[in-house]
Amino acid sequence: MANQRRYLRTALRCRFKIWSDTIAPMTVYTKDISDGGVFLVMDPQEQEVPPVGTVLKGQVQGLMDDAPIVTLEVVRMVEEGIGLRFLSDTK
């Protein structure tokens, strides 16, 4: 099966906070990031894993004082975690 990714992924492990109107803020870890999105390592046994289609807010934690808040959508779920794509905040 050919790799059909549009963006090059870069391995990056950092703390990342996610939340929404219906999901309480939680801090998880990234596995990798690209210009198109981010993969978050999550354990469904220990954390509320948002389903595909969920729109979240997210922010990198601990790397800079005023990291931007981004809007993301859950686009895939695997045993190891979830893949999110960045959404534009301008509509």
N, C-alpha and C. Protein backbone atom coordinates (compact mmCIF):
# COMPACT_ATOMS: atom_id res chain seq x y z
N MET A 1 0.84 -1.17 0.00
CA MET A 1 0.00 0.00 0.00
C MET A 1 0.89 1.25 0.00
N ALA A 2 0.69 2.14 -0.93
CA ALA A 2 1.50 3.34 -1.06
C ALA A 2 1.13 4.38 0.00
N ASN A 3 2.14 5.13 0.44
CA ASN A 3 1.91 6.21 1.39
C ASN A 3 1.25 7.38 0.65
N GLN A 4 0.08 7.78 1.08
CA GLN A 4 -0.66 8.84 0.41
C GLN A 4 -0.68 10.13 1.23
N ARG A 5 0.24 10.27 2.16
CA ARG A 5 0.27 11.47 3.00
C ARG A 5 0.69 12.69 2.19
N ARG A 6 0.05 13.82 2.48
CA ARG A 6 0.36 15.08 1.80
C ARG A 6 1.50 15.82 2.48
N TYR A 7 1.71 15.57 3.78
CA TYR A 7 2.69 16.31 4.56
C TYR A 7 3.70 15.38 5.20
N LEU A 8 4.94 15.81 5.26
CA LEU A 8 6.00 15.06 5.91
C LEU A 8 5.80 15.13 7.42
N ARG A 9 5.84 13.98 8.08
CA ARG A 9 5.68 13.94 9.53
C ARG A 9 7.05 14.07 10.20
N THR A 10 7.07 14.78 11.32
CA THR A 10 8.28 14.93 12.12
C THR A 10 8.00 14.38 13.50
N ALA A 11 8.86 13.46 13.95
CA ALA A 11 8.70 12.91 15.30
C ALA A 11 8.87 14.04 16.31
N LEU A 12 7.92 14.15 17.22
CA LEU A 12 7.98 15.19 18.25
C LEU A 12 7.19 14.71 19.45
N ARG A 13 7.86 14.64 20.58
CA ARG A 13 7.17 14.26 21.82
C ARG A 13 7.13 15.48 22.72
N CYS A 14 5.93 15.99 22.93
CA CYS A 14 5.74 17.10 23.85
C CYS A 14 4.34 16.99 24.45
N ARG A 15 4.13 17.72 25.54
CA ARG A 15 2.80 17.74 26.16
C ARG A 15 1.89 18.60 25.31
N PHE A 16 0.63 18.16 25.18
CA PHE A 16 -0.35 18.86 24.34
C PHE A 16 -1.69 18.81 25.05
N LYS A 17 -2.26 19.97 25.32
CA LYS A 17 -3.56 20.04 26.00
C LYS A 17 -4.67 20.11 24.96
N ILE A 18 -5.72 19.30 25.14
CA ILE A 18 -6.89 19.34 24.28
C ILE A 18 -8.14 19.52 25.12
N TRP A 19 -9.16 20.13 24.50
CA TRP A 19 -10.45 20.34 25.18
C TRP A 19 -11.50 20.74 24.15
N SER A 20 -12.74 20.69 24.57
CA SER A 20 -13.86 21.17 23.75
C SER A 20 -14.97 21.59 24.70
N ASP A 21 -16.09 21.98 24.13
CA ASP A 21 -17.24 22.35 24.97
C ASP A 21 -17.76 21.16 25.76
N THR A 22 -17.55 19.95 25.25
CA THR A 22 -18.07 18.76 25.90
C THR A 22 -17.00 17.85 26.50
N ILE A 23 -15.74 18.16 26.26
CA ILE A 23 -14.64 17.34 26.79
C ILE A 23 -13.78 18.21 27.69
N ALA A 24 -13.62 17.79 28.92
CA ALA A 24 -12.80 18.54 29.88
C ALA A 24 -11.35 18.58 29.40
N PRO A 25 -10.63 19.65 29.73
CA PRO A 25 -9.23 19.72 29.33
C PRO A 25 -8.43 18.53 29.85
N MET A 26 -7.59 18.00 28.98
CA MET A 26 -6.67 16.93 29.38
C MET A 26 -5.35 17.14 28.66
N THR A 27 -4.29 16.71 29.31
CA THR A 27 -2.96 16.83 28.72
C THR A 27 -2.49 15.44 28.33
N VAL A 28 -2.07 15.32 27.06
CA VAL A 28 -1.58 14.06 26.50
C VAL A 28 -0.23 14.36 25.85
N TYR A 29 0.35 13.38 25.19
CA TYR A 29 1.63 13.57 24.51
C TYR A 29 1.47 13.40 23.01
N THR A 30 2.25 14.18 22.26
CA THR A 30 2.29 14.02 20.81
C THR A 30 3.25 12.89 20.47
N LYS A 31 3.03 12.29 19.31
CA LYS A 31 3.97 11.32 18.75
C LYS A 31 4.69 11.95 17.57
N ASP A 32 3.92 12.63 16.72
CA ASP A 32 4.50 13.33 15.58
C ASP A 32 3.59 14.47 15.17
N ILE A 33 4.15 15.33 14.31
CA ILE A 33 3.43 16.51 13.86
C ILE A 33 3.80 16.78 12.41
N SER A 34 2.90 17.41 11.68
CA SER A 34 3.17 17.81 10.30
C SER A 34 2.47 19.14 10.05
N ASP A 35 2.61 19.67 8.86
CA ASP A 35 1.89 20.90 8.51
C ASP A 35 0.39 20.67 8.49
N GLY A 36 -0.04 19.42 8.37
CA GLY A 36 -1.46 19.12 8.27
C GLY A 36 -2.13 18.70 9.56
N GLY A 37 -1.34 18.25 10.55
CA GLY A 37 -1.97 17.78 11.77
C GLY A 37 -0.98 17.24 12.78
N VAL A 38 -1.52 16.51 13.74
CA VAL A 38 -0.72 15.99 14.85
C VAL A 38 -1.30 14.63 15.27
N PHE A 39 -0.43 13.73 15.73
CA PHE A 39 -0.88 12.46 16.29
C PHE A 39 -0.67 12.52 17.79
N LEU A 40 -1.72 12.19 18.55
CA LEU A 40 -1.67 12.19 20.00
C LEU A 40 -1.74 10.77 20.53
N VAL A 41 -0.83 10.44 21.44
CA VAL A 41 -0.82 9.14 22.09
C VAL A 41 -1.86 9.17 23.20
N MET A 42 -2.85 8.26 23.12
CA MET A 42 -3.91 8.21 24.12
C MET A 42 -4.24 6.76 24.44
N ASP A 43 -4.59 6.51 25.68
CA ASP A 43 -4.96 5.18 26.14
C ASP A 43 -6.46 5.17 26.46
N PRO A 44 -7.27 4.48 25.63
CA PRO A 44 -8.72 4.48 25.88
C PRO A 44 -9.12 3.86 27.22
N GLN A 45 -8.21 3.10 27.83
CA GLN A 45 -8.50 2.51 29.14
C GLN A 45 -8.38 3.56 30.25
N GLU A 46 -7.60 4.62 30.00
CA GLU A 46 -7.34 5.61 31.03
C GLU A 46 -7.86 7.01 30.70
N GLN A 47 -8.20 7.26 29.43
CA GLN A 47 -8.60 8.60 29.01
C GLN A 47 -9.86 8.54 28.16
N GLU A 48 -10.63 9.62 28.19
CA GLU A 48 -11.78 9.75 27.31
C GLU A 48 -11.26 10.11 25.93
N VAL A 49 -11.34 9.17 24.99
CA VAL A 49 -10.83 9.40 23.65
C VAL A 49 -11.97 9.94 22.79
N PRO A 50 -11.81 11.15 22.25
CA PRO A 50 -12.88 11.74 21.43
C PRO A 50 -13.04 10.98 20.12
N PRO A 51 -14.28 10.77 19.67
CA PRO A 51 -14.52 10.00 18.45
C PRO A 51 -14.15 10.79 17.19
N VAL A 52 -14.01 10.07 16.08
CA VAL A 52 -13.74 10.69 14.79
C VAL A 52 -14.82 11.73 14.50
N GLY A 53 -14.39 12.87 13.99
CA GLY A 53 -15.30 13.96 13.68
C GLY A 53 -15.38 15.03 14.76
N THR A 54 -14.88 14.73 15.95
CA THR A 54 -14.90 15.69 17.05
C THR A 54 -13.97 16.86 16.75
N VAL A 55 -14.46 18.07 16.96
CA VAL A 55 -13.62 19.27 16.81
C VAL A 55 -13.14 19.68 18.20
N LEU A 56 -11.85 19.89 18.31
CA LEU A 56 -11.21 20.22 19.58
C LEU A 56 -10.39 21.49 19.47
N LYS A 57 -10.08 22.07 20.59
CA LYS A 57 -9.05 23.09 20.69
C LYS A 57 -7.82 22.41 21.26
N GLY A 58 -6.64 22.90 20.90
CA GLY A 58 -5.41 22.30 21.39
C GLY A 58 -4.31 23.33 21.53
N GLN A 59 -3.35 23.02 22.42
CA GLN A 59 -2.24 23.92 22.65
C GLN A 59 -1.03 23.14 23.16
N VAL A 60 0.12 23.39 22.56
CA VAL A 60 1.37 22.81 23.04
C VAL A 60 1.64 23.34 24.44
N GLN A 61 2.13 22.49 25.32
CA GLN A 61 2.40 22.87 26.71
C GLN A 61 3.90 22.77 27.00
N GLY A 62 4.43 23.77 27.69
CA GLY A 62 5.78 23.68 28.21
C GLY A 62 6.90 24.09 27.27
N LEU A 63 6.63 24.41 26.01
CA LEU A 63 7.70 24.80 25.10
C LEU A 63 7.82 26.31 24.96
N MET A 64 6.71 27.02 25.15
CA MET A 64 6.72 28.48 25.11
C MET A 64 5.56 28.99 25.96
N ASP A 65 5.70 30.18 26.47
CA ASP A 65 4.70 30.72 27.38
C ASP A 65 3.35 30.99 26.72
N ASP A 66 3.37 31.43 25.46
CA ASP A 66 2.13 31.83 24.81
C ASP A 66 1.90 31.05 23.51
N ALA A 67 1.98 29.74 23.58
CA ALA A 67 1.76 28.90 22.40
C ALA A 67 0.35 29.16 21.86
N PRO A 68 0.21 29.21 20.54
CA PRO A 68 -1.12 29.47 19.98
C PRO A 68 -2.10 28.34 20.28
N ILE A 69 -3.37 28.70 20.37
CA ILE A 69 -4.44 27.71 20.49
C ILE A 69 -4.92 27.41 19.08
N VAL A 70 -4.96 26.13 18.73
CA VAL A 70 -5.35 25.72 17.39
C VAL A 70 -6.65 24.92 17.45
N THR A 71 -7.36 24.90 16.32
CA THR A 71 -8.58 24.12 16.19
C THR A 71 -8.24 22.87 15.38
N LEU A 72 -8.68 21.71 15.86
CA LEU A 72 -8.35 20.43 15.24
C LEU A 72 -9.59 19.57 15.11
N GLU A 73 -9.53 18.61 14.19
CA GLU A 73 -10.60 17.63 14.04
C GLU A 73 -10.00 16.24 14.11
N VAL A 74 -10.63 15.36 14.89
CA VAL A 74 -10.19 13.97 14.96
C VAL A 74 -10.54 13.30 13.63
N VAL A 75 -9.51 12.76 12.94
CA VAL A 75 -9.75 12.14 11.64
C VAL A 75 -9.46 10.65 11.62
N ARG A 76 -8.74 10.15 12.62
CA ARG A 76 -8.54 8.70 12.68
C ARG A 76 -8.23 8.27 14.10
N MET A 77 -8.60 7.01 14.37
CA MET A 77 -8.34 6.41 15.66
C MET A 77 -7.66 5.07 15.45
N VAL A 78 -6.62 4.83 16.20
CA VAL A 78 -5.96 3.53 16.21
C VAL A 78 -5.71 3.17 17.67
N GLU A 79 -5.27 1.97 17.91
CA GLU A 79 -5.07 1.51 19.28
C GLU A 79 -4.13 2.42 20.07
N GLU A 80 -3.15 2.99 19.39
CA GLU A 80 -2.13 3.80 20.04
C GLU A 80 -2.57 5.23 20.35
N GLY A 81 -3.58 5.73 19.61
CA GLY A 81 -4.01 7.10 19.85
C GLY A 81 -4.90 7.63 18.73
N ILE A 82 -4.85 8.97 18.54
CA ILE A 82 -5.72 9.59 17.54
C ILE A 82 -4.92 10.53 16.64
N GLY A 83 -5.36 10.61 15.39
CA GLY A 83 -4.80 11.55 14.44
C GLY A 83 -5.76 12.72 14.27
N LEU A 84 -5.22 13.93 14.34
CA LEU A 84 -6.03 15.13 14.19
C LEU A 84 -5.48 15.97 13.06
N ARG A 85 -6.39 16.65 12.35
CA ARG A 85 -5.94 17.58 11.31
C ARG A 85 -6.24 18.99 11.80
N PHE A 86 -5.35 19.90 11.40
CA PHE A 86 -5.53 21.31 11.74
C PHE A 86 -6.68 21.88 10.89
N LEU A 87 -7.55 22.64 11.53
CA LEU A 87 -8.61 23.34 10.83
C LEU A 87 -8.28 24.82 10.82
N SER A 88 -8.67 25.50 9.77
CA SER A 88 -8.49 26.93 9.69
C SER A 88 -9.54 27.60 10.57
N ASP A 89 -9.13 28.58 11.33
CA ASP A 89 -10.08 29.31 12.18
C ASP A 89 -10.83 30.38 11.42
N THR A 90 -10.49 30.59 10.16
CA THR A 90 -11.19 31.58 9.37
C THR A 90 -12.15 30.88 8.43
N LYS A 91 -13.40 31.30 8.45
CA LYS A 91 -14.41 30.65 7.60
C LYS A 91 -15.19 31.70 6.87
